[in-house]
């Protein structure tokens, strides 16, 4: 009888542990998706004044949304590197970009860190001509669990989205 109760206890605890890790993984993936959507969603900003101050306000608003998703040192690196400057493609090439699909696959994990490989499919639309195309990029991302239980992006690497890829050759 004791063995049966012990076995039931082990099974219940195992299910509980597996359930917790799945929800932690889901939380991390939600942060990762939010981060990638902020990076790649390029809206039509032609109605924003070309005044440098107005453009900087627009880009600052994007950075403010990203900041809670990444570690502080990673955030500073992102700003210095111009990682989110894809939003300028709208002004240069008259296109919008949206995330159509992201697939994540864990390739390494422990209780406080998750490492993913991912494929991200982007939809690029040429505004005036109404042309659309899709591009898929590969990447890797690391998220670290914080003391408060939240997940933050510590590293992200993606195939570079080039000017040539967002242009439409008529």
Protein backbone atom coordinates (compact mmCIF):
# COMPACT_ATOMS: atom_id res chain seq x y z
CA UNK A 1 0.00 0.00 0.00
CA UNK A 2 2.82 2.40 0.87
CA UNK A 3 4.47 1.67 -2.47
CA UNK A 4 1.26 2.50 -4.33
CA UNK A 5 0.87 5.80 -2.43
CA UNK A 6 4.53 6.62 -3.04
CA UNK A 7 4.12 5.86 -6.75
CA UNK A 8 1.02 8.08 -6.95
CA UNK A 9 2.88 10.88 -5.17
CA UNK A 10 5.80 10.61 -7.60
CA UNK A 11 3.45 10.68 -10.61
CA UNK A 12 1.53 13.70 -9.26
CA UNK A 13 4.77 15.59 -8.50
CA UNK A 14 6.17 14.73 -11.94
CA UNK A 15 3.06 16.04 -13.66
CA UNK A 16 3.24 19.19 -11.55
CA UNK A 17 6.89 19.77 -12.41
CA UNK A 18 6.32 19.17 -16.12
CA UNK A 19 3.33 21.51 -16.06
CA UNK A 20 5.38 24.25 -14.39
CA UNK A 21 8.21 23.98 -16.88
CA UNK A 22 5.79 24.13 -19.79
CA UNK A 23 4.19 27.29 -18.45
CA UNK A 24 7.64 28.82 -17.89
CA UNK A 25 8.55 27.96 -21.46
CA UNK A 26 5.30 29.53 -22.67
CA UNK A 27 6.08 32.70 -20.70
CA UNK A 28 9.55 32.89 -22.25
CA UNK A 29 8.18 32.31 -25.76
CA UNK A 30 5.58 35.06 -25.23
CA UNK A 31 8.41 37.51 -24.38
CA UNK A 32 10.44 36.29 -27.36
CA UNK A 33 7.49 36.78 -29.74
CA UNK A 34 6.74 40.23 -28.36
CA UNK A 35 10.39 41.19 -28.80
CA UNK A 36 10.58 39.92 -32.41
CA UNK A 37 7.30 41.63 -33.30
CA UNK A 38 8.65 44.95 -32.01
CA UNK A 39 11.83 44.42 -33.99
CA UNK A 40 10.21 43.55 -37.30
CA UNK A 41 6.82 45.25 -37.40
CA UNK A 42 7.40 48.29 -39.60
CA UNK A 43 4.34 50.47 -39.98
CA UNK A 44 3.66 53.14 -42.55
CA UNK A 45 5.13 56.20 -40.86
CA UNK A 46 5.01 58.54 -43.84
CA UNK A 47 2.52 60.72 -41.95
CA UNK A 48 5.15 61.47 -39.30
CA UNK A 49 6.96 64.71 -39.91
CA UNK A 50 10.43 64.28 -41.36
CA UNK A 51 11.59 66.58 -38.60
CA UNK A 52 14.43 64.85 -36.78
CA UNK A 53 12.81 65.48 -33.39
CA UNK A 54 9.54 63.81 -34.45
CA UNK A 55 11.36 60.80 -35.92
CA UNK A 56 13.44 60.43 -32.77
CA UNK A 57 10.25 60.46 -30.67
CA UNK A 58 8.83 57.67 -32.82
CA UNK A 59 11.96 55.54 -32.49
CA UNK A 60 12.19 56.29 -28.75
CA UNK A 61 8.65 54.94 -28.33
CA UNK A 62 9.78 51.64 -29.87
CA UNK A 63 12.85 51.49 -27.63
CA UNK A 64 10.67 52.09 -24.55
CA UNK A 65 8.52 49.09 -25.45
CA UNK A 66 11.59 46.91 -25.91
CA UNK A 67 13.39 47.92 -22.71
CA UNK A 68 11.33 45.76 -20.28
CA UNK A 69 11.92 42.71 -22.50
CA UNK A 70 15.73 42.72 -22.44
CA UNK A 71 18.50 42.92 -19.85
CA UNK A 72 19.82 46.44 -19.30
CA UNK A 73 23.22 45.73 -20.87
CA UNK A 74 21.53 44.08 -23.86
CA UNK A 75 19.27 47.12 -24.26
CA UNK A 76 22.24 49.49 -24.44
CA UNK A 77 23.87 47.26 -27.06
CA UNK A 78 20.66 47.25 -29.13
CA UNK A 79 20.44 51.02 -29.20
CA UNK A 80 24.13 51.45 -30.09
CA UNK A 81 23.94 48.89 -32.88
CA UNK A 82 20.77 50.33 -34.45
CA UNK A 83 19.15 46.90 -34.19
CA UNK A 84 15.64 48.31 -34.45
CA UNK A 85 16.39 50.69 -37.30
CA UNK A 86 14.46 48.40 -39.66
CA UNK A 87 11.67 50.90 -39.11
CA UNK A 88 13.57 53.29 -41.37
CA UNK A 89 12.87 50.93 -44.30
CA UNK A 90 9.41 52.48 -44.48
CA UNK A 91 10.89 55.86 -45.19
CA UNK A 92 13.61 54.61 -47.54
CA UNK A 93 11.75 51.94 -49.54
CA UNK A 94 8.10 52.79 -48.90
CA UNK A 95 7.35 49.36 -47.40
CA UNK A 96 5.70 47.93 -44.34
CA UNK A 97 6.88 44.75 -42.65
CA UNK A 98 4.90 42.41 -40.45
CA UNK A 99 5.65 39.16 -38.69
CA UNK A 100 3.59 36.43 -40.25
CA UNK A 101 4.89 33.44 -38.28
CA UNK A 102 7.58 32.55 -35.72
CA UNK A 103 8.53 28.96 -34.86
CA UNK A 104 10.70 28.39 -31.79
CA UNK A 105 12.61 25.22 -30.94
CA UNK A 106 14.53 24.80 -27.66
CA UNK A 107 18.05 23.55 -28.16
CA UNK A 108 19.37 24.10 -24.62
CA UNK A 109 17.71 24.85 -21.30
CA UNK A 110 17.96 24.82 -17.55
CA UNK A 111 15.86 26.34 -14.76
CA UNK A 112 17.05 29.91 -15.40
CA UNK A 113 17.98 30.00 -19.08
CA UNK A 114 16.36 28.95 -22.34
CA UNK A 115 18.05 28.90 -25.74
CA UNK A 116 15.96 28.78 -28.87
CA UNK A 117 16.52 28.39 -32.56
CA UNK A 118 13.78 30.03 -34.56
CA UNK A 119 12.44 30.71 -38.03
CA UNK A 120 10.62 33.97 -38.58
CA UNK A 121 8.53 34.62 -41.67
CA UNK A 122 8.12 38.27 -42.61
CA UNK A 123 5.59 39.78 -44.95
CA UNK A 124 6.90 42.81 -46.82
CA UNK A 125 4.41 45.07 -48.60
CA UNK A 126 5.28 47.82 -51.03
CA UNK A 127 2.77 50.49 -50.08
CA UNK A 128 2.06 52.34 -53.31
CA UNK A 129 2.15 49.36 -55.69
CA UNK A 130 0.44 46.89 -53.36
CA UNK A 131 3.11 44.25 -54.00
CA UNK A 132 3.74 41.65 -51.29
CA UNK A 133 6.45 39.09 -50.66
CA UNK A 134 7.53 36.82 -47.83
CA UNK A 135 11.02 36.28 -46.48
CA UNK A 136 12.06 33.71 -43.88
CA UNK A 137 15.00 34.33 -41.57
CA UNK A 138 16.70 32.01 -39.10
CA UNK A 139 17.96 33.00 -35.69
CA UNK A 140 18.89 32.04 -32.18
CA UNK A 141 17.80 33.66 -28.94
CA UNK A 142 18.68 33.26 -25.26
CA UNK A 143 16.30 34.24 -22.48
CA UNK A 144 17.22 34.39 -18.81
CA UNK A 145 14.81 34.07 -15.90
CA UNK A 146 15.00 37.02 -13.53
CA UNK A 147 14.74 36.95 -9.73
CA UNK A 148 11.16 38.23 -9.97
CA UNK A 149 10.21 35.28 -12.23
CA UNK A 150 10.03 37.24 -15.49
CA UNK A 151 12.01 36.29 -18.59
CA UNK A 152 14.30 38.69 -20.48
CA UNK A 153 16.13 38.42 -23.77
CA UNK A 154 19.88 38.32 -23.23
CA UNK A 155 21.02 37.51 -26.76
CA UNK A 156 19.41 37.45 -30.17
CA UNK A 157 20.98 36.68 -33.48
CA UNK A 158 19.08 36.72 -36.77
CA UNK A 159 20.11 36.58 -40.41
CA UNK A 160 20.43 40.22 -41.38
CA UNK A 161 17.48 41.73 -43.29
CA UNK A 162 19.16 43.55 -46.15
CA UNK A 163 18.07 46.54 -48.20
CA UNK A 164 17.90 44.29 -51.27
CA UNK A 165 15.40 41.99 -49.56
CA UNK A 166 12.95 44.78 -48.80
CA UNK A 167 13.12 46.33 -52.27
CA UNK A 168 10.75 45.38 -55.05
CA UNK A 169 12.24 45.22 -58.53
CA UNK A 170 9.50 46.10 -60.94
